[in-house]
Amino acid sequence: MKLEGEVSIKRVKQVYGDLKDELKGSNEVIIDMSGVVSIDASIAQVLLSATIKAKELGKELRLENIPAALNKTLALAGLVANTVQGGHE
C-alpha cells in the first residue's frame, strides 16, 4: 500500500478503508510513505489504530520509507521504531 501527497482528514475514510481491506487480505501490510509530504493527527491516529489491530490479529503492519519530516509527527502519535522503518531525507 502506498500513501502519497498531503494525507489529511480529507482522506481519512479512504485510508481507513484501504487499511481495513489490506489487513483482511494479508498477514503483512507494508505502507510505503515515500511520497507523503505531510500527515495530520487524524491519519496518524488511523495508522496507530491499524497497527494495534494488526497485532491483535497476529498480523504485521509496517511503515517504510518515511520522509524525515514526518518522523516527529509519527513519534508523537506513538508509532515506534519497531513498526516504522526505512526513514529517509
PDB file of N, CA and C in Angstrom:
ATOM      1  N   MET A   1       0.853  -1.171   0.000  1.00  0.00           N
ATOM      2  CA  MET A   1       0.000   0.000   0.000  1.00  0.00           C
ATOM      3  C   MET A   1       0.901   1.237   0.000  1.00  0.00           C
ATOM      4  N   LYS A   2       0.512   2.240  -0.783  1.00  0.00           N
ATOM      5  CA  LYS A   2       1.331   3.444  -0.884  1.00  0.00           C
ATOM      6  C   LYS A   2       0.479   4.668  -0.568  1.00  0.00           C
ATOM      7  N   LEU A   3       1.019   5.528   0.297  1.00  0.00           N
ATOM      8  CA  LEU A   3       0.388   6.812   0.570  1.00  0.00           C
ATOM      9  C   LEU A   3       1.226   7.886  -0.101  1.00  0.00           C
ATOM     10  N   GLU A   4       0.545   8.916  -0.618  1.00  0.00           N
ATOM     11  CA  GLU A   4       1.257   9.976  -1.323  1.00  0.00           C
ATOM     12  C   GLU A   4       0.624  11.334  -1.043  1.00  0.00           C
ATOM     13  N   GLY A   5       1.464  12.365  -1.181  1.00  0.00           N
ATOM     14  CA  GLY A   5       0.985  13.738  -1.073  1.00  0.00           C
ATOM     15  C   GLY A   5       0.676  14.153   0.350  1.00  0.00           C
ATOM     16  N   GLU A   6      -0.276  15.083   0.472  1.00  0.00           N
ATOM     17  CA  GLU A   6      -0.738  15.528   1.775  1.00  0.00           C
ATOM     18  C   GLU A   6      -1.860  14.587   2.210  1.00  0.00           C
ATOM     19  N   VAL A   7      -1.620  13.870   3.283  1.00  0.00           N
ATOM     20  CA  VAL A   7      -2.593  12.888   3.754  1.00  0.00           C
ATOM     21  C   VAL A   7      -3.216  13.467   5.020  1.00  0.00           C
ATOM     22  N   SER A   8      -4.483  13.876   4.893  1.00  0.00           N
ATOM     23  CA  SER A   8      -5.136  14.590   5.989  1.00  0.00           C
ATOM     24  C   SER A   8      -6.532  14.045   6.232  1.00  0.00           C
ATOM     25  N   ILE A   9      -7.241  14.724   7.100  1.00  0.00           N
ATOM     26  CA  ILE A   9      -8.597  14.311   7.453  1.00  0.00           C
ATOM     27  C   ILE A   9      -9.493  14.200   6.214  1.00  0.00           C
ATOM     28  N   LYS A  10      -9.181  14.916   5.169  1.00  0.00           N
ATOM     29  CA  LYS A  10      -9.955  14.838   3.923  1.00  0.00           C
ATOM     30  C   LYS A  10      -9.906  13.443   3.315  1.00  0.00           C
ATOM     31  N   ARG A  11      -8.864  12.681   3.652  1.00  0.00           N
ATOM     32  CA  ARG A  11      -8.694  11.332   3.089  1.00  0.00           C
ATOM     33  C   ARG A  11      -8.825  10.234   4.146  1.00  0.00           C
ATOM     34  N   VAL A  12      -9.257  10.594   5.356  1.00  0.00           N
ATOM     35  CA  VAL A  12      -9.248   9.619   6.444  1.00  0.00           C
ATOM     36  C   VAL A  12     -10.136   8.409   6.144  1.00  0.00           C
ATOM     37  N   LYS A  13     -11.313   8.610   5.572  1.00  0.00           N
ATOM     38  CA  LYS A  13     -12.198   7.482   5.257  1.00  0.00           C
ATOM     39  C   LYS A  13     -11.553   6.549   4.238  1.00  0.00           C
ATOM     40  N   GLN A  14     -10.925   7.130   3.231  1.00  0.00           N
ATOM     41  CA  GLN A  14     -10.264   6.325   2.200  1.00  0.00           C
ATOM     42  C   GLN A  14      -9.115   5.519   2.801  1.00  0.00           C
ATOM     43  N   VAL A  15      -8.261   6.181   3.580  1.00  0.00           N
ATOM     44  CA  VAL A  15      -7.105   5.498   4.180  1.00  0.00           C
ATOM     45  C   VAL A  15      -7.584   4.408   5.127  1.00  0.00           C
ATOM     46  N   TYR A  16      -8.586   4.711   5.941  1.00  0.00           N
ATOM     47  CA  TYR A  16      -9.142   3.720   6.869  1.00  0.00           C
ATOM     48  C   TYR A  16      -9.666   2.501   6.105  1.00  0.00           C
ATOM     49  N   GLY A  17     -10.444   2.740   5.066  1.00  0.00           N
ATOM     50  CA  GLY A  17     -10.998   1.638   4.276  1.00  0.00           C
ATOM     51  C   GLY A  17      -9.921   0.808   3.597  1.00  0.00           C
ATOM     52  N   ASP A  18      -8.921   1.488   3.049  1.00  0.00           N
ATOM     53  CA  ASP A  18      -7.821   0.775   2.399  1.00  0.00           C
ATOM     54  C   ASP A  18      -7.053  -0.089   3.397  1.00  0.00           C
ATOM     55  N   LEU A  19      -6.781   0.459   4.570  1.00  0.00           N
ATOM     56  CA  LEU A  19      -6.070  -0.309   5.599  1.00  0.00           C
ATOM     57  C   LEU A  19      -6.889  -1.507   6.061  1.00  0.00           C
ATOM     58  N   LYS A  20      -8.166  -1.293   6.241  1.00  0.00           N
ATOM     59  CA  LYS A  20      -9.055  -2.386   6.652  1.00  0.00           C
ATOM     60  C   LYS A  20      -9.033  -3.524   5.631  1.00  0.00           C
ATOM     61  N   ASP A  21      -9.117  -3.169   4.346  1.00  0.00           N
ATOM     62  CA  ASP A  21      -9.075  -4.168   3.280  1.00  0.00           C
ATOM     63  C   ASP A  21      -7.731  -4.890   3.242  1.00  0.00           C
ATOM     64  N   GLU A  22      -6.648  -4.125   3.383  1.00  0.00           N
ATOM     65  CA  GLU A  22      -5.309  -4.724   3.373  1.00  0.00           C
ATOM     66  C   GLU A  22      -5.141  -5.717   4.523  1.00  0.00           C
ATOM     67  N   LEU A  23      -5.625  -5.355   5.706  1.00  0.00           N
ATOM     68  CA  LEU A  23      -5.499  -6.254   6.866  1.00  0.00           C
ATOM     69  C   LEU A  23      -6.344  -7.511   6.706  1.00  0.00           C
ATOM     70  N   LYS A  24      -7.469  -7.399   6.040  1.00  0.00           N
ATOM     71  CA  LYS A  24      -8.297  -8.574   5.785  1.00  0.00           C
ATOM     72  C   LYS A  24      -7.607  -9.534   4.833  1.00  0.00           C
ATOM     73  N   GLY A  25      -6.906  -8.984   3.842  1.00  0.00           N
ATOM     74  CA  GLY A  25      -6.361  -9.797   2.777  1.00  0.00           C
ATOM     75  C   GLY A  25      -4.930 -10.264   2.943  1.00  0.00           C
ATOM     76  N   SER A  26      -4.232  -9.818   3.991  1.00  0.00           N
ATOM     77  CA  SER A  26      -2.823 -10.155   4.100  1.00  0.00           C
ATOM     78  C   SER A  26      -2.382 -10.236   5.562  1.00  0.00           C
ATOM     79  N   ASN A  27      -1.390 -11.084   5.809  1.00  0.00           N
ATOM     80  CA  ASN A  27      -0.819 -11.181   7.154  1.00  0.00           C
ATOM     81  C   ASN A  27       0.260 -10.136   7.384  1.00  0.00           C
ATOM     82  N   GLU A  28       0.722  -9.507   6.298  1.00  0.00           N
ATOM     83  CA  GLU A  28       1.749  -8.477   6.400  1.00  0.00           C
ATOM     84  C   GLU A  28       1.349  -7.309   5.501  1.00  0.00           C
ATOM     85  N   VAL A  29       1.217  -6.155   6.111  1.00  0.00           N
ATOM     86  CA  VAL A  29       0.866  -4.953   5.369  1.00  0.00           C
ATOM     87  C   VAL A  29       2.033  -3.977   5.488  1.00  0.00           C
ATOM     88  N   ILE A  30       2.543  -3.562   4.344  1.00  0.00           N
ATOM     89  CA  ILE A  30       3.627  -2.588   4.309  1.00  0.00           C
ATOM     90  C   ILE A  30       3.080  -1.323   3.669  1.00  0.00           C
ATOM     91  N   ILE A  31       3.229  -0.225   4.374  1.00  0.00           N
ATOM     92  CA  ILE A  31       2.770   1.058   3.859  1.00  0.00           C
ATOM     93  C   ILE A  31       3.990   1.866   3.443  1.00  0.00           C
ATOM     94  N   ASP A  32       4.080   2.133   2.158  1.00  0.00           N
ATOM     95  CA  ASP A  32       5.173   2.928   1.607  1.00  0.00           C
ATOM     96  C   ASP A  32       4.810   4.406   1.766  1.00  0.00           C
ATOM     97  N   MET A  33       5.605   5.106   2.575  1.00  0.00           N
ATOM     98  CA  MET A  33       5.347   6.513   2.878  1.00  0.00           C
ATOM     99  C   MET A  33       6.230   7.457   2.063  1.00  0.00           C
ATOM    100  N   SER A  34       6.989   6.931   1.112  1.00  0.00           N
ATOM    101  CA  SER A  34       7.999   7.734   0.412  1.00  0.00           C
ATOM    102  C   SER A  34       7.427   8.958  -0.288  1.00  0.00           C
ATOM    103  N   GLY A  35       6.199   8.906  -0.731  1.00  0.00           N
ATOM    104  CA  GLY A  35       5.614  10.033  -1.448  1.00  0.00           C
ATOM    105  C   GLY A  35       4.785  10.966  -0.587  1.00  0.00           C
ATOM    106  N   VAL A  36       4.800  10.759   0.727  1.00  0.00           N
ATOM    107  CA  VAL A  36       3.987  11.574   1.622  1.00  0.00           C
ATOM    108  C   VAL A  36       4.697  12.892   1.928  1.00  0.00           C
ATOM    109  N   VAL A  37       3.976  13.979   1.739  1.00  0.00           N
ATOM    110  CA  VAL A  37       4.504  15.306   2.023  1.00  0.00           C
ATOM    111  C   VAL A  37       4.195  15.699   3.459  1.00  0.00           C
ATOM    112  N   SER A  38       2.976  15.387   3.916  1.00  0.00           N
ATOM    113  CA  SER A  38       2.573  15.695   5.285  1.00  0.00           C
ATOM    114  C   SER A  38       1.417  14.790   5.689  1.00  0.00           C
ATOM    115  N   ILE A  39       1.286  14.609   6.996  1.00  0.00           N
ATOM    116  CA  ILE A  39       0.124  13.909   7.553  1.00  0.00           C
ATOM    117  C   ILE A  39      -0.392  14.738   8.711  1.00  0.00           C
ATOM    118  N   ASP A  40      -1.650  14.553   9.037  1.00  0.00           N
ATOM    119  CA  ASP A  40      -2.177  15.240  10.202  1.00  0.00           C
ATOM    120  C   ASP A  40      -2.505  14.222  11.286  1.00  0.00           C
ATOM    121  N   ALA A  41      -2.978  14.708  12.408  1.00  0.00           N
ATOM    122  CA  ALA A  41      -3.228  13.848  13.566  1.00  0.00           C
ATOM    123  C   ALA A  41      -4.265  12.763  13.280  1.00  0.00           C
ATOM    124  N   SER A  42      -5.247  13.064  12.441  1.00  0.00           N
ATOM    125  CA  SER A  42      -6.283  12.064  12.151  1.00  0.00           C
ATOM    126  C   SER A  42      -5.685  10.856  11.434  1.00  0.00           C
ATOM    127  N   ILE A  43      -4.784  11.091  10.502  1.00  0.00           N
ATOM    128  CA  ILE A  43      -4.145   9.989   9.775  1.00  0.00           C
ATOM    129  C   ILE A  43      -3.175   9.246  10.687  1.00  0.00           C
ATOM    130  N   ALA A  44      -2.433   9.981  11.508  1.00  0.00           N
ATOM    131  CA  ALA A  44      -1.531   9.330  12.460  1.00  0.00           C
ATOM    132  C   ALA A  44      -2.322   8.408  13.379  1.00  0.00           C
ATOM    133  N   GLN A  45      -3.499   8.838  13.809  1.00  0.00           N
ATOM    134  CA  GLN A  45      -4.350   8.014  14.673  1.00  0.00           C
ATOM    135  C   GLN A  45      -4.840   6.770  13.937  1.00  0.00           C
ATOM    136  N   VAL A  46      -5.227   6.913  12.680  1.00  0.00           N
ATOM    137  CA  VAL A  46      -5.666   5.759  11.886  1.00  0.00           C
ATOM    138  C   VAL A  46      -4.520   4.760  11.744  1.00  0.00           C
ATOM    139  N   LEU A  47      -3.304   5.255  11.472  1.00  0.00           N
ATOM    140  CA  LEU A  47      -2.153   4.364  11.339  1.00  0.00           C
ATOM    141  C   LEU A  47      -1.854   3.651  12.652  1.00  0.00           C
ATOM    142  N   LEU A  48      -1.948   4.368  13.764  1.00  0.00           N
ATOM    143  CA  LEU A  48      -1.718   3.752  15.070  1.00  0.00           C
ATOM    144  C   LEU A  48      -2.781   2.699  15.361  1.00  0.00           C
ATOM    145  N   SER A  49      -4.027   3.032  15.127  1.00  0.00           N
ATOM    146  CA  SER A  49      -5.119   2.073  15.364  1.00  0.00           C
ATOM    147  C   SER A  49      -4.960   0.822  14.499  1.00  0.00           C
ATOM    148  N   ALA A  50      -4.566   1.010  13.253  1.00  0.00           N
ATOM    149  CA  ALA A  50      -4.367  -0.127  12.357  1.00  0.00           C
ATOM    150  C   ALA A  50      -3.205  -0.994  12.824  1.00  0.00           C
ATOM    151  N   THR A  51      -2.156  -0.363  13.337  1.00  0.00           N
ATOM    152  CA  THR A  51      -1.015  -1.115  13.861  1.00  0.00           C
ATOM    153  C   THR A  51      -1.432  -1.972  15.054  1.00  0.00           C
ATOM    154  N   ILE A  52      -2.210  -1.390  15.941  1.00  0.00           N
ATOM    155  CA  ILE A  52      -2.709  -2.120  17.112  1.00  0.00           C
ATOM    156  C   ILE A  52      -3.622  -3.266  16.682  1.00  0.00           C
ATOM    157  N   LYS A  53      -4.529  -2.996  15.748  1.00  0.00           N
ATOM    158  CA  LYS A  53      -5.452  -4.023  15.256  1.00  0.00           C
ATOM    159  C   LYS A  53      -4.688  -5.169  14.598  1.00  0.00           C
ATOM    160  N   ALA A  54      -3.671  -4.833  13.819  1.00  0.00           N
ATOM    161  CA  ALA A  54      -2.859  -5.867  13.166  1.00  0.00           C
ATOM    162  C   ALA A  54      -2.233  -6.782  14.216  1.00  0.00           C
ATOM    163  N   LYS A  55      -1.679  -6.213  15.273  1.00  0.00           N
ATOM    164  CA  LYS A  55      -1.068  -7.022  16.335  1.00  0.00           C
ATOM    165  C   LYS A  55      -2.108  -7.924  16.990  1.00  0.00           C
ATOM    166  N   GLU A  56      -3.296  -7.382  17.238  1.00  0.00           N
ATOM    167  CA  GLU A  56      -4.372  -8.181  17.839  1.00  0.00           C
ATOM    168  C   GLU A  56      -4.740  -9.369  16.961  1.00  0.00           C
ATOM    169  N   LEU A  57      -4.658  -9.203  15.657  1.00  0.00           N
ATOM    170  CA  LEU A  57      -4.997 -10.256  14.702  1.00  0.00           C
ATOM    171  C   LEU A  57      -3.820 -11.175  14.389  1.00  0.00           C
ATOM    172  N   GLY A  58      -2.666 -10.911  15.015  1.00  0.00           N
ATOM    173  CA  GLY A  58      -1.481 -11.713  14.742  1.00  0.00           C
ATOM    174  C   GLY A  58      -0.845 -11.380  13.402  1.00  0.00           C
ATOM    175  N   LYS A  59      -1.093 -10.171  12.930  1.00  0.00           N
ATOM    176  CA  LYS A  59      -0.553  -9.733  11.656  1.00  0.00           C
ATOM    177  C   LYS A  59       0.466  -8.627  11.897  1.00  0.00           C
ATOM    178  N   GLU A  60       1.133  -8.210  10.834  1.00  0.00           N
ATOM    179  CA  GLU A  60       2.139  -7.167  10.954  1.00  0.00           C
ATOM    180  C   GLU A  60       1.817  -6.012  10.017  1.00  0.00           C
ATOM    181  N   LEU A  61       1.943  -4.807  10.541  1.00  0.00           N
ATOM    182  CA  LEU A  61       1.789  -3.604   9.736  1.00  0.00           C
ATOM    183  C   LEU A  61       3.035  -2.766   9.935  1.00  0.00           C
ATOM    184  N   ARG A  62       3.691  -2.414   8.814  1.00  0.00           N
ATOM    185  CA  ARG A  62       4.928  -1.625   8.887  1.00  0.00           C
ATOM    186  C   ARG A  62       4.829  -0.400   8.004  1.00  0.00           C
ATOM    187  N   LEU A  63       5.389   0.693   8.499  1.00  0.00           N
ATOM    188  CA  LEU A  63       5.545   1.904   7.711  1.00  0.00           C
ATOM    189  C   LEU A  63       6.979   1.930   7.217  1.00  0.00           C
ATOM    190  N   GLU A  64       7.162   2.142   5.931  1.00  0.00           N
ATOM    191  CA  GLU A  64       8.508   2.163   5.365  1.00  0.00           C
ATOM    192  C   GLU A  64       8.715   3.414   4.524  1.00  0.00           C
ATOM    193  N   ASN A  65       9.993   3.766   4.338  1.00  0.00           N
ATOM    194  CA  ASN A  65      10.389   4.901   3.501  1.00  0.00           C
ATOM    195  C   ASN A  65       9.766   6.208   3.977  1.00  0.00           C
ATOM    196  N   ILE A  66       9.852   6.423   5.276  1.00  0.00           N
ATOM    197  CA  ILE A  66       9.244   7.602   5.879  1.00  0.00           C
ATOM    198  C   ILE A  66      10.153   8.819   5.688  1.00  0.00           C
ATOM    199  N   PRO A  67       9.627   9.883   5.082  1.00  0.00           N
ATOM    200  CA  PRO A  67      10.419  11.105   4.979  1.00  0.00           C
ATOM    201  C   PRO A  67      10.781  11.632   6.372  1.00  0.00           C
ATOM    202  N   ALA A  68      11.980  12.137   6.508  1.00  0.00           N
ATOM    203  CA  ALA A  68      12.469  12.619   7.807  1.00  0.00           C
ATOM    204  C   ALA A  68      11.520  13.646   8.430  1.00  0.00           C
ATOM    205  N   ALA A  69      10.882  14.454   7.607  1.00  0.00           N
ATOM    206  CA  ALA A  69       9.982  15.494   8.110  1.00  0.00           C
ATOM    207  C   ALA A  69       8.771  14.925   8.853  1.00  0.00           C
ATOM    208  N   LEU A  70       8.462  13.658   8.634  1.00  0.00           N
ATOM    209  CA  LEU A  70       7.296  13.050   9.286  1.00  0.00           C
ATOM    210  C   LEU A  70       7.642  12.306  10.568  1.00  0.00           C
ATOM    211  N   ASN A  71       8.921  12.098  10.837  1.00  0.00           N
ATOM    212  CA  ASN A  71       9.319  11.307  11.999  1.00  0.00           C
ATOM    213  C   ASN A  71       8.753  11.836  13.304  1.00  0.00           C
ATOM    214  N   LYS A  72       8.802  13.143  13.510  1.00  0.00           N
ATOM    215  CA  LYS A  72       8.315  13.720  14.767  1.00  0.00           C
ATOM    216  C   LYS A  72       6.813  13.496  14.927  1.00  0.00           C
ATOM    217  N   THR A  73       6.051  13.743  13.874  1.00  0.00           N
ATOM    218  CA  THR A  73       4.599  13.547  13.930  1.00  0.00           C
ATOM    219  C   THR A  73       4.262  12.096  14.261  1.00  0.00           C
ATOM    220  N   LEU A  74       4.941  11.170  13.614  1.00  0.00           N
ATOM    221  CA  LEU A  74       4.671   9.754  13.859  1.00  0.00           C
ATOM    222  C   LEU A  74       5.107   9.330  15.262  1.00  0.00           C
ATOM    223  N   ALA A  75       6.213   9.875  15.741  1.00  0.00           N
ATOM    224  CA  ALA A  75       6.665   9.563  17.098  1.00  0.00           C
ATOM    225  C   ALA A  75       5.665  10.079  18.123  1.00  0.00           C
ATOM    226  N   LEU A  76       5.152  11.282  17.925  1.00  0.00           N
ATOM    227  CA  LEU A  76       4.156  11.837  18.844  1.00  0.00           C
ATOM    228  C   LEU A  76       2.867  11.020  18.845  1.00  0.00           C
ATOM    229  N   ALA A  77       2.587  10.375  17.723  1.00  0.00           N
ATOM    230  CA  ALA A  77       1.380   9.545  17.613  1.00  0.00           C
ATOM    231  C   ALA A  77       1.550   8.177  18.265  1.00  0.00           C
ATOM    232  N   GLY A  78       2.793   7.861  18.672  1.00  0.00           N
ATOM    233  CA  GLY A  78       3.019   6.568  19.311  1.00  0.00           C
ATOM    234  C   GLY A  78       3.430   5.477  18.358  1.00  0.00           C
ATOM    235  N   LEU A  79       3.731   5.828  17.133  1.00  0.00           N
ATOM    236  CA  LEU A  79       4.218   4.842  16.174  1.00  0.00           C
ATOM    237  C   LEU A  79       5.723   4.731  16.384  1.00  0.00           C
ATOM    238  N   VAL A  80       6.128   3.614  16.978  1.00  0.00           N
ATOM    239  CA  VAL A  80       7.501   3.452  17.446  1.00  0.00           C
ATOM    240  C   VAL A  80       8.378   2.738  16.432  1.00  0.00           C
ATOM    241  N   ALA A  81       9.651   2.679  16.721  1.00  0.00           N
ATOM    242  CA  ALA A  81      10.665   2.156  15.795  1.00  0.00           C
ATOM    243  C   ALA A  81      10.379   0.745  15.293  1.00  0.00           C
ATOM    244  N   ASN A  82       9.752  -0.102  16.096  1.00  0.00           N
ATOM    245  CA  ASN A  82       9.541  -1.469  15.633  1.00  0.00           C
ATOM    246  C   ASN A  82       8.460  -1.567  14.554  1.00  0.00           C
ATOM    247  N   THR A  83       7.689  -0.495  14.331  1.00  0.00           N
ATOM    248  CA  THR A  83       6.703  -0.515  13.257  1.00  0.00           C
ATOM    249  C   THR A  83       7.038   0.490  12.172  1.00  0.00           C
ATOM    250  N   VAL A  84       8.087   1.269  12.393  1.00  0.00           N
ATOM    251  CA  VAL A  84       8.456   2.311  11.457  1.00  0.00           C
ATOM    252  C   VAL A  84       9.880   2.050  10.988  1.00  0.00           C
ATOM    253  N   GLN A  85      10.045   1.875   9.685  1.00  0.00           N
ATOM    254  CA  GLN A  85      11.364   1.514   9.166  1.00  0.00           C
ATOM    255  C   GLN A  85      11.682   2.312   7.915  1.00  0.00           C
ATOM    256  N   GLY A  86      12.937   2.463   7.636  1.00  0.00           N
ATOM    257  CA  GLY A  86      13.395   2.983   6.346  1.00  0.00           C
ATOM    258  C   GLY A  86      13.200   4.460   6.137  1.00  0.00           C
ATOM    259  N   GLY A  87      13.338   5.288   7.182  1.00  0.00           N
ATOM    260  CA  GLY A  87      13.206   6.716   7.012  1.00  0.00           C
ATOM    261  C   GLY A  87      14.264   7.266   6.082  1.00  0.00           C
ATOM    262  N   HIS A  88      13.912   8.345   5.389  1.00  0.00           N
ATOM    263  CA  HIS A  88      14.874   8.983   4.509  1.00  0.00           C
ATOM    264  C   HIS A  88      14.662  10.488   4.509  1.00  0.00           C
ATOM    265  N   GLU A  89      15.642  11.202   4.022  1.00  0.00           N
ATOM    266  CA  GLU A  89      15.592  12.681   3.996  1.00  0.00           C
ATOM    267  C   GLU A  89      14.760  13.148   2.833  1.00  0.00           C
TER     268      GLU A  89
END
